[in-house]
C-alpha cells in the first residue's frame, strides 16, 4: 500500500483530546476523510467518541467521509460547535 503523511490541524476540543495543535497521520495515497478518522481513532483510542462528532476540513472546505484527501492538502479536524 502506498501511503502519504498528512499534518492534521486541531482546534478547541480536538486540541484538548490530543494535547497538541497538530498531529501527523499516515493514510493511504488517495485516502479519504473516513480513512483519516480511522487512523486518528487508532492513534488515540480514548478519543473515539469525540472523533465521531468531528468534521474533517480539506483545504478549508468540509469533506464528506468518502472525500479524497489530496497530497499536500491542508487538513483540519473541526469539533462540533454550539451556539448560544
N, C-alpha and C. Protein backbone atom coordinates (compact mmCIF):
# COMPACT_ATOMS: atom_id res chain seq x y z
N UNK A 1 0.85 -1.18 0.00
CA UNK A 1 0.00 0.00 0.00
C UNK A 1 0.89 1.24 0.00
N UNK A 2 0.63 2.12 -0.91
CA UNK A 2 1.33 3.40 -0.92
C UNK A 2 0.60 4.33 0.03
N UNK A 3 1.36 5.08 0.79
CA UNK A 3 0.76 5.94 1.80
C UNK A 3 1.34 7.34 1.70
N UNK A 4 0.65 8.26 2.35
CA UNK A 4 1.14 9.63 2.44
C UNK A 4 0.99 10.10 3.88
N UNK A 5 1.81 11.04 4.23
CA UNK A 5 1.76 11.64 5.56
C UNK A 5 1.05 12.98 5.43
N UNK A 6 0.05 13.20 6.27
CA UNK A 6 -0.62 14.49 6.31
C UNK A 6 -0.49 15.08 7.71
N UNK A 7 -0.50 16.37 7.76
CA UNK A 7 -0.47 17.08 9.03
C UNK A 7 -1.89 17.55 9.30
N UNK A 8 -2.41 17.17 10.46
CA UNK A 8 -3.80 17.48 10.81
C UNK A 8 -3.81 18.59 11.85
N UNK A 9 -4.41 19.72 11.52
CA UNK A 9 -4.54 20.84 12.44
C UNK A 9 -5.70 20.55 13.39
N UNK A 10 -5.51 20.88 14.66
CA UNK A 10 -6.52 20.60 15.68
C UNK A 10 -6.98 21.89 16.35
N UNK A 11 -8.26 21.97 16.66
CA UNK A 11 -8.83 23.16 17.28
C UNK A 11 -9.72 22.75 18.47
N UNK A 12 -9.84 23.64 19.43
CA UNK A 12 -10.76 23.51 20.57
C UNK A 12 -10.66 22.13 21.21
N UNK A 13 -11.79 21.40 21.29
CA UNK A 13 -11.82 20.10 21.94
C UNK A 13 -10.90 19.08 21.30
N UNK A 14 -10.68 19.19 19.99
CA UNK A 14 -9.75 18.27 19.31
C UNK A 14 -8.34 18.50 19.82
N UNK A 15 -7.97 19.74 19.98
CA UNK A 15 -6.64 20.08 20.52
C UNK A 15 -6.52 19.55 21.94
N UNK A 16 -7.57 19.68 22.73
CA UNK A 16 -7.54 19.17 24.10
C UNK A 16 -7.43 17.64 24.13
N UNK A 17 -8.16 16.96 23.26
CA UNK A 17 -8.16 15.50 23.23
C UNK A 17 -6.78 14.94 22.89
N UNK A 18 -6.08 15.61 21.99
CA UNK A 18 -4.78 15.12 21.54
C UNK A 18 -3.61 15.79 22.25
N UNK A 19 -3.87 16.88 22.97
CA UNK A 19 -2.81 17.56 23.69
C UNK A 19 -1.79 18.22 22.78
N UNK A 20 -2.23 18.64 21.61
CA UNK A 20 -1.33 19.27 20.63
C UNK A 20 -2.14 20.14 19.68
N UNK A 21 -1.46 21.03 18.98
CA UNK A 21 -2.11 21.88 17.98
C UNK A 21 -2.23 21.18 16.64
N UNK A 22 -1.40 20.15 16.44
CA UNK A 22 -1.44 19.39 15.20
C UNK A 22 -0.84 18.01 15.45
N UNK A 23 -1.24 17.05 14.61
CA UNK A 23 -0.71 15.69 14.70
C UNK A 23 -0.45 15.18 13.29
N UNK A 24 0.54 14.30 13.14
CA UNK A 24 0.76 13.67 11.84
C UNK A 24 -0.18 12.48 11.70
N UNK A 25 -0.53 12.17 10.47
CA UNK A 25 -1.36 10.99 10.20
C UNK A 25 -0.87 10.36 8.91
N UNK A 26 -0.74 9.06 8.93
CA UNK A 26 -0.34 8.31 7.74
C UNK A 26 -1.57 7.60 7.20
N UNK A 27 -1.97 7.98 5.99
CA UNK A 27 -3.16 7.39 5.36
C UNK A 27 -2.78 6.90 3.96
N UNK A 28 -3.60 6.04 3.37
CA UNK A 28 -3.29 5.57 2.01
C UNK A 28 -3.27 6.73 1.03
N UNK A 29 -2.44 6.59 0.01
CA UNK A 29 -2.47 7.55 -1.09
C UNK A 29 -3.90 7.53 -1.62
N UNK A 30 -4.49 8.67 -1.87
CA UNK A 30 -5.90 8.78 -2.23
C UNK A 30 -6.81 8.33 -1.09
N UNK A 31 -6.32 8.47 0.16
CA UNK A 31 -7.13 8.16 1.32
C UNK A 31 -8.26 9.15 1.47
N UNK A 32 -9.26 8.76 2.23
CA UNK A 32 -10.46 9.58 2.41
C UNK A 32 -10.50 10.18 3.81
N UNK A 33 -11.48 11.05 4.02
CA UNK A 33 -11.69 11.62 5.35
C UNK A 33 -12.00 10.50 6.35
N UNK A 34 -12.74 9.48 5.93
CA UNK A 34 -13.03 8.34 6.81
C UNK A 34 -11.76 7.58 7.16
N UNK A 35 -10.85 7.43 6.21
CA UNK A 35 -9.55 6.79 6.48
C UNK A 35 -8.79 7.59 7.55
N UNK A 36 -8.84 8.90 7.43
CA UNK A 36 -8.15 9.75 8.40
C UNK A 36 -8.73 9.57 9.80
N UNK A 37 -10.05 9.57 9.91
CA UNK A 37 -10.68 9.40 11.22
C UNK A 37 -10.30 8.04 11.80
N UNK A 38 -10.31 6.99 10.98
CA UNK A 38 -9.91 5.65 11.47
C UNK A 38 -8.47 5.68 11.99
N UNK A 39 -7.58 6.34 11.28
CA UNK A 39 -6.19 6.44 11.72
C UNK A 39 -6.11 7.16 13.07
N UNK A 40 -6.84 8.26 13.21
CA UNK A 40 -6.82 9.02 14.47
C UNK A 40 -7.43 8.22 15.61
N UNK A 41 -8.46 7.43 15.32
CA UNK A 41 -9.04 6.56 16.36
C UNK A 41 -8.03 5.54 16.85
N UNK A 42 -7.26 4.98 15.91
CA UNK A 42 -6.21 4.02 16.28
C UNK A 42 -5.11 4.69 17.09
N UNK A 43 -4.78 5.94 16.72
CA UNK A 43 -3.71 6.67 17.40
C UNK A 43 -4.11 7.13 18.79
N UNK A 44 -5.40 7.38 18.99
CA UNK A 44 -5.87 7.91 20.28
C UNK A 44 -7.22 7.26 20.62
N UNK A 45 -7.20 5.97 21.06
CA UNK A 45 -8.45 5.26 21.33
C UNK A 45 -9.36 5.95 22.34
N UNK A 46 -8.80 6.71 23.25
CA UNK A 46 -9.61 7.41 24.23
C UNK A 46 -10.46 8.52 23.64
N UNK A 47 -10.18 8.90 22.40
CA UNK A 47 -10.90 10.00 21.76
C UNK A 47 -11.90 9.52 20.72
N UNK A 48 -12.17 8.21 20.66
CA UNK A 48 -13.03 7.67 19.61
C UNK A 48 -14.41 8.34 19.59
N UNK A 49 -15.08 8.41 20.72
CA UNK A 49 -16.42 9.02 20.74
C UNK A 49 -16.36 10.49 20.31
N UNK A 50 -15.35 11.20 20.75
CA UNK A 50 -15.18 12.60 20.35
C UNK A 50 -14.95 12.70 18.85
N UNK A 51 -14.06 11.85 18.30
CA UNK A 51 -13.73 11.91 16.88
C UNK A 51 -14.95 11.68 16.01
N UNK A 52 -15.87 10.88 16.47
CA UNK A 52 -17.06 10.58 15.67
C UNK A 52 -18.01 11.77 15.57
N UNK A 53 -17.79 12.81 16.36
CA UNK A 53 -18.62 14.01 16.27
C UNK A 53 -17.94 15.13 15.49
N UNK A 54 -16.69 14.91 15.11
CA UNK A 54 -15.91 15.95 14.41
C UNK A 54 -16.12 15.87 12.91
N UNK A 55 -15.81 16.97 12.25
CA UNK A 55 -15.81 17.03 10.78
C UNK A 55 -14.37 17.20 10.33
N UNK A 56 -14.09 16.73 9.14
CA UNK A 56 -12.77 16.90 8.54
C UNK A 56 -12.89 18.00 7.48
N UNK A 57 -11.98 18.95 7.55
CA UNK A 57 -11.92 20.00 6.53
C UNK A 57 -10.66 19.78 5.70
N UNK A 58 -10.81 19.83 4.39
CA UNK A 58 -9.69 19.68 3.47
C UNK A 58 -9.63 20.94 2.63
N UNK A 59 -8.48 21.61 2.72
CA UNK A 59 -8.31 22.89 2.01
C UNK A 59 -9.44 23.87 2.32
N UNK A 60 -9.78 23.92 3.61
CA UNK A 60 -10.74 24.87 4.18
C UNK A 60 -12.19 24.65 3.76
N UNK A 61 -12.50 23.42 3.32
CA UNK A 61 -13.88 23.06 2.99
C UNK A 61 -14.19 21.73 3.67
N UNK A 62 -15.40 21.60 4.22
CA UNK A 62 -15.77 20.35 4.85
C UNK A 62 -15.75 19.23 3.82
N UNK A 63 -15.21 18.08 4.23
CA UNK A 63 -15.14 16.91 3.36
C UNK A 63 -16.22 15.92 3.76
N UNK A 64 -16.73 15.19 2.80
CA UNK A 64 -17.62 14.07 3.10
C UNK A 64 -16.74 12.90 3.53
N UNK A 65 -17.31 11.91 4.22
CA UNK A 65 -16.48 10.78 4.65
C UNK A 65 -15.74 10.09 3.50
N UNK A 66 -16.34 10.07 2.31
CA UNK A 66 -15.68 9.43 1.17
C UNK A 66 -14.87 10.41 0.33
N UNK A 67 -14.74 11.65 0.80
CA UNK A 67 -13.96 12.66 0.09
C UNK A 67 -12.48 12.35 0.17
N UNK A 68 -11.82 12.32 -0.99
CA UNK A 68 -10.39 12.00 -1.07
C UNK A 68 -9.56 13.19 -0.59
N UNK A 69 -8.53 12.88 0.17
CA UNK A 69 -7.59 13.91 0.65
C UNK A 69 -6.39 13.91 -0.29
N UNK A 70 -6.21 14.99 -1.06
CA UNK A 70 -5.08 15.02 -1.99
C UNK A 70 -3.76 15.26 -1.24
N UNK A 71 -2.67 14.87 -1.88
CA UNK A 71 -1.36 15.14 -1.30
C UNK A 71 -1.21 16.65 -1.13
N UNK A 72 -0.48 17.05 -0.11
CA UNK A 72 -0.19 18.46 0.18
C UNK A 72 -1.42 19.28 0.55
N UNK A 73 -2.50 18.61 0.93
CA UNK A 73 -3.71 19.34 1.33
C UNK A 73 -3.55 19.88 2.74
N UNK A 74 -4.25 20.97 3.02
CA UNK A 74 -4.36 21.45 4.40
C UNK A 74 -5.55 20.71 5.01
N UNK A 75 -5.29 19.96 6.08
CA UNK A 75 -6.31 19.13 6.69
C UNK A 75 -6.53 19.61 8.13
N UNK A 76 -7.78 19.73 8.53
CA UNK A 76 -8.10 20.16 9.89
C UNK A 76 -9.23 19.31 10.44
N UNK A 77 -9.17 19.06 11.72
CA UNK A 77 -10.22 18.35 12.43
C UNK A 77 -11.04 19.41 13.17
N UNK A 78 -12.32 19.49 12.83
CA UNK A 78 -13.20 20.53 13.38
C UNK A 78 -14.20 19.89 14.33
N UNK A 79 -14.10 20.22 15.62
CA UNK A 79 -15.06 19.68 16.58
C UNK A 79 -16.42 20.37 16.43
N UNK A 80 -17.46 19.76 16.98
CA UNK A 80 -18.78 20.41 16.92
C UNK A 80 -18.75 21.73 17.68
N UNK A 81 -19.56 22.66 17.22
CA UNK A 81 -19.62 23.98 17.83
C UNK A 81 -21.05 24.22 18.29
N UNK A 82 -21.21 24.72 19.50
CA UNK A 82 -22.55 25.06 19.95
C UNK A 82 -22.68 26.56 20.04
N UNK A 83 -23.87 27.02 19.82
CA UNK A 83 -24.12 28.46 19.85
C UNK A 83 -24.94 28.83 21.06
N UNK A 84 -25.13 30.11 21.21
CA UNK A 84 -25.93 30.49 22.36
C UNK A 84 -26.44 31.87 22.25
